[in-house]
Amino acid sequence: MYKRHLSEPSNDAKYDSYNKCRWYQQDIVQIVHNW
């Protein structure tokens, strides 16, 4: 799951979306691996 640190500033949208994409790819890899 995608988690964001509450202590981190939330004004960096590019880094935020990059983390979401990275976690999304990791989830797909896990699903394919488990499947």
N, C-alpha and C. Protein backbone atom coordinates (compact mmCIF):
# COMPACT_ATOMS: atom_id res chain seq x y z
N MET A 1 0.84 -1.20 0.00
CA MET A 1 0.00 0.00 0.00
C MET A 1 0.88 1.25 0.00
N TYR A 2 0.31 2.28 -0.55
CA TYR A 2 1.07 3.54 -0.63
C TYR A 2 0.89 4.32 0.66
N LYS A 3 2.01 4.62 1.32
CA LYS A 3 1.94 5.38 2.58
C LYS A 3 2.74 6.66 2.45
N ARG A 4 2.25 7.73 3.02
CA ARG A 4 2.96 9.00 2.98
C ARG A 4 3.29 9.40 4.38
N HIS A 5 4.50 9.86 4.63
CA HIS A 5 4.90 10.29 5.97
C HIS A 5 4.21 11.61 6.30
N LEU A 6 3.55 11.68 7.43
CA LEU A 6 2.83 12.90 7.80
C LEU A 6 3.80 14.03 8.12
N SER A 7 5.01 13.70 8.53
CA SER A 7 5.97 14.74 8.88
C SER A 7 6.56 15.40 7.63
N GLU A 8 6.42 14.74 6.49
CA GLU A 8 6.99 15.30 5.26
C GLU A 8 6.08 16.39 4.70
N PRO A 9 6.64 17.41 4.09
CA PRO A 9 5.83 18.46 3.46
C PRO A 9 5.09 17.90 2.25
N SER A 10 3.85 18.31 2.08
CA SER A 10 3.03 17.74 1.02
C SER A 10 2.95 18.67 -0.19
N ASN A 11 3.93 19.56 -0.35
CA ASN A 11 3.86 20.52 -1.46
C ASN A 11 4.61 20.01 -2.69
N ASP A 12 5.28 18.86 -2.57
CA ASP A 12 6.03 18.33 -3.70
C ASP A 12 5.17 17.32 -4.45
N ALA A 13 4.37 17.80 -5.39
CA ALA A 13 3.42 16.93 -6.08
C ALA A 13 4.13 15.95 -7.00
N LYS A 14 5.23 16.38 -7.61
CA LYS A 14 5.94 15.49 -8.54
C LYS A 14 6.47 14.27 -7.79
N TYR A 15 7.11 14.49 -6.67
CA TYR A 15 7.67 13.38 -5.89
C TYR A 15 6.54 12.49 -5.37
N ASP A 16 5.43 13.11 -5.01
CA ASP A 16 4.28 12.36 -4.51
C ASP A 16 3.75 11.41 -5.58
N SER A 17 3.52 11.94 -6.78
CA SER A 17 2.99 11.10 -7.85
C SER A 17 4.01 10.06 -8.26
N TYR A 18 5.30 10.39 -8.18
CA TYR A 18 6.34 9.42 -8.52
C TYR A 18 6.29 8.24 -7.55
N ASN A 19 6.12 8.52 -6.28
CA ASN A 19 6.02 7.45 -5.28
C ASN A 19 4.78 6.60 -5.54
N LYS A 20 3.67 7.23 -5.91
CA LYS A 20 2.45 6.48 -6.19
C LYS A 20 2.68 5.53 -7.36
N CYS A 21 3.32 6.03 -8.41
CA CYS A 21 3.58 5.18 -9.58
C CYS A 21 4.49 4.03 -9.19
N ARG A 22 5.50 4.31 -8.39
CA ARG A 22 6.44 3.26 -8.01
C ARG A 22 5.73 2.19 -7.18
N TRP A 23 4.90 2.63 -6.22
CA TRP A 23 4.18 1.65 -5.40
C TRP A 23 3.19 0.87 -6.24
N TYR A 24 2.58 1.55 -7.22
CA TYR A 24 1.61 0.88 -8.09
C TYR A 24 2.31 -0.22 -8.89
N GLN A 25 3.50 0.07 -9.40
CA GLN A 25 4.26 -0.94 -10.15
C GLN A 25 4.64 -2.09 -9.24
N GLN A 26 5.04 -1.81 -8.01
CA GLN A 26 5.41 -2.88 -7.08
C GLN A 26 4.21 -3.77 -6.79
N ASP A 27 3.02 -3.17 -6.67
CA ASP A 27 1.82 -3.97 -6.41
C ASP A 27 1.56 -4.90 -7.59
N ILE A 28 1.72 -4.41 -8.82
CA ILE A 28 1.50 -5.25 -9.99
C ILE A 28 2.50 -6.40 -10.00
N VAL A 29 3.75 -6.12 -9.68
CA VAL A 29 4.77 -7.17 -9.65
C VAL A 29 4.40 -8.23 -8.62
N GLN A 30 3.93 -7.79 -7.46
CA GLN A 30 3.54 -8.76 -6.43
C GLN A 30 2.35 -9.60 -6.89
N ILE A 31 1.38 -8.96 -7.52
CA ILE A 31 0.19 -9.70 -7.98
C ILE A 31 0.59 -10.74 -9.02
N VAL A 32 1.42 -10.34 -9.97
CA VAL A 32 1.86 -11.29 -11.01
C VAL A 32 2.68 -12.40 -10.39
N HIS A 33 3.52 -12.06 -9.44
CA HIS A 33 4.37 -13.07 -8.80
C HIS A 33 3.52 -14.06 -8.01
N ASN A 34 2.52 -13.55 -7.31
CA ASN A 34 1.66 -14.44 -6.52
C ASN A 34 0.71 -15.23 -7.41
N TRP A 35 0.43 -14.71 -8.59
CA TRP A 35 -0.50 -15.36 -9.49
C TRP A 35 0.23 -16.44 -10.24
